[in-house]
Amino acid sequence: MSLFLLLILVAVVLGIIGFATHGLFWLLIIGAAVLVVDLVYGGTRLRRGGRKHRLAR
């Protein structure tokens, strides 16, 4: 969960810097790409349920 939140934070910071700074539009694009990858990662983790199954002995 902390990796998910860290990647969201990185995407937001890169997006803000890329939007605010003239000539660094590519940072906005990278921030958007990180956000999309993070949402896909979070979606797959959520779908799996995050439960660890133990074998019964």
Protein backbone atom coordinates (compact mmCIF):
# COMPACT_ATOMS: atom_id res chain seq x y z
CA MET A 1 0.00 0.00 0.00
CA SER A 2 2.84 2.38 0.76
CA LEU A 3 4.34 1.80 -2.71
CA PHE A 4 0.98 2.71 -4.25
CA LEU A 5 0.79 5.96 -2.27
CA LEU A 6 4.43 6.82 -2.98
CA LEU A 7 3.91 6.41 -6.72
CA ILE A 8 0.76 8.57 -6.58
CA LEU A 9 2.76 11.27 -4.78
CA VAL A 10 5.59 11.06 -7.35
CA ALA A 11 3.12 11.33 -10.22
CA VAL A 12 1.46 14.39 -8.70
CA VAL A 13 4.77 16.15 -8.01
CA LEU A 14 6.07 15.43 -11.52
CA GLY A 15 2.80 16.63 -13.00
CA ILE A 16 2.86 19.89 -11.04
CA ILE A 17 6.49 20.61 -11.93
CA GLY A 18 5.87 19.72 -15.58
CA PHE A 19 2.80 21.95 -15.74
CA ALA A 20 4.30 24.92 -13.90
CA THR A 21 7.73 25.02 -15.52
CA HIS A 22 8.01 26.22 -19.10
CA GLY A 23 9.85 23.71 -21.27
CA LEU A 24 9.39 20.74 -18.96
CA PHE A 25 6.15 19.44 -20.46
CA TRP A 26 7.78 16.04 -20.72
CA LEU A 27 7.68 15.80 -16.90
CA LEU A 28 3.91 16.17 -17.06
CA ILE A 29 3.79 13.30 -19.56
CA ILE A 30 6.03 11.13 -17.34
CA GLY A 31 3.87 11.98 -14.32
CA ALA A 32 0.74 10.93 -16.20
CA ALA A 33 2.41 7.68 -17.28
CA VAL A 34 3.48 6.91 -13.69
CA LEU A 35 -0.08 7.59 -12.54
CA VAL A 36 -1.56 5.21 -15.10
CA VAL A 37 0.95 2.46 -14.26
CA ASP A 38 0.27 2.95 -10.57
CA LEU A 39 -3.50 2.72 -11.03
CA VAL A 40 -3.10 -0.51 -13.02
CA TYR A 41 -0.80 -1.88 -10.29
CA GLY A 42 -3.27 -0.90 -7.58
CA GLY A 43 -6.15 -2.41 -9.50
CA THR A 44 -4.41 -5.76 -9.87
CA ARG A 45 -3.48 -5.80 -6.18
CA LEU A 46 -7.05 -4.95 -5.22
CA ARG A 47 -8.50 -7.64 -7.46
CA ARG A 48 -6.30 -10.31 -5.96
CA GLY A 49 -7.62 -9.41 -2.55
CA GLY A 50 -4.21 -9.19 -0.96
CA ARG A 51 -4.86 -12.30 1.13
CA LYS A 52 -2.15 -14.83 1.66
CA HIS A 53 -3.42 -18.40 1.62
CA ARG A 54 -1.84 -20.90 3.93
CA LEU A 55 -1.82 -24.59 3.29
CA ALA A 56 -3.71 -26.65 5.86
CA ARG A 57 -1.67 -29.43 7.41
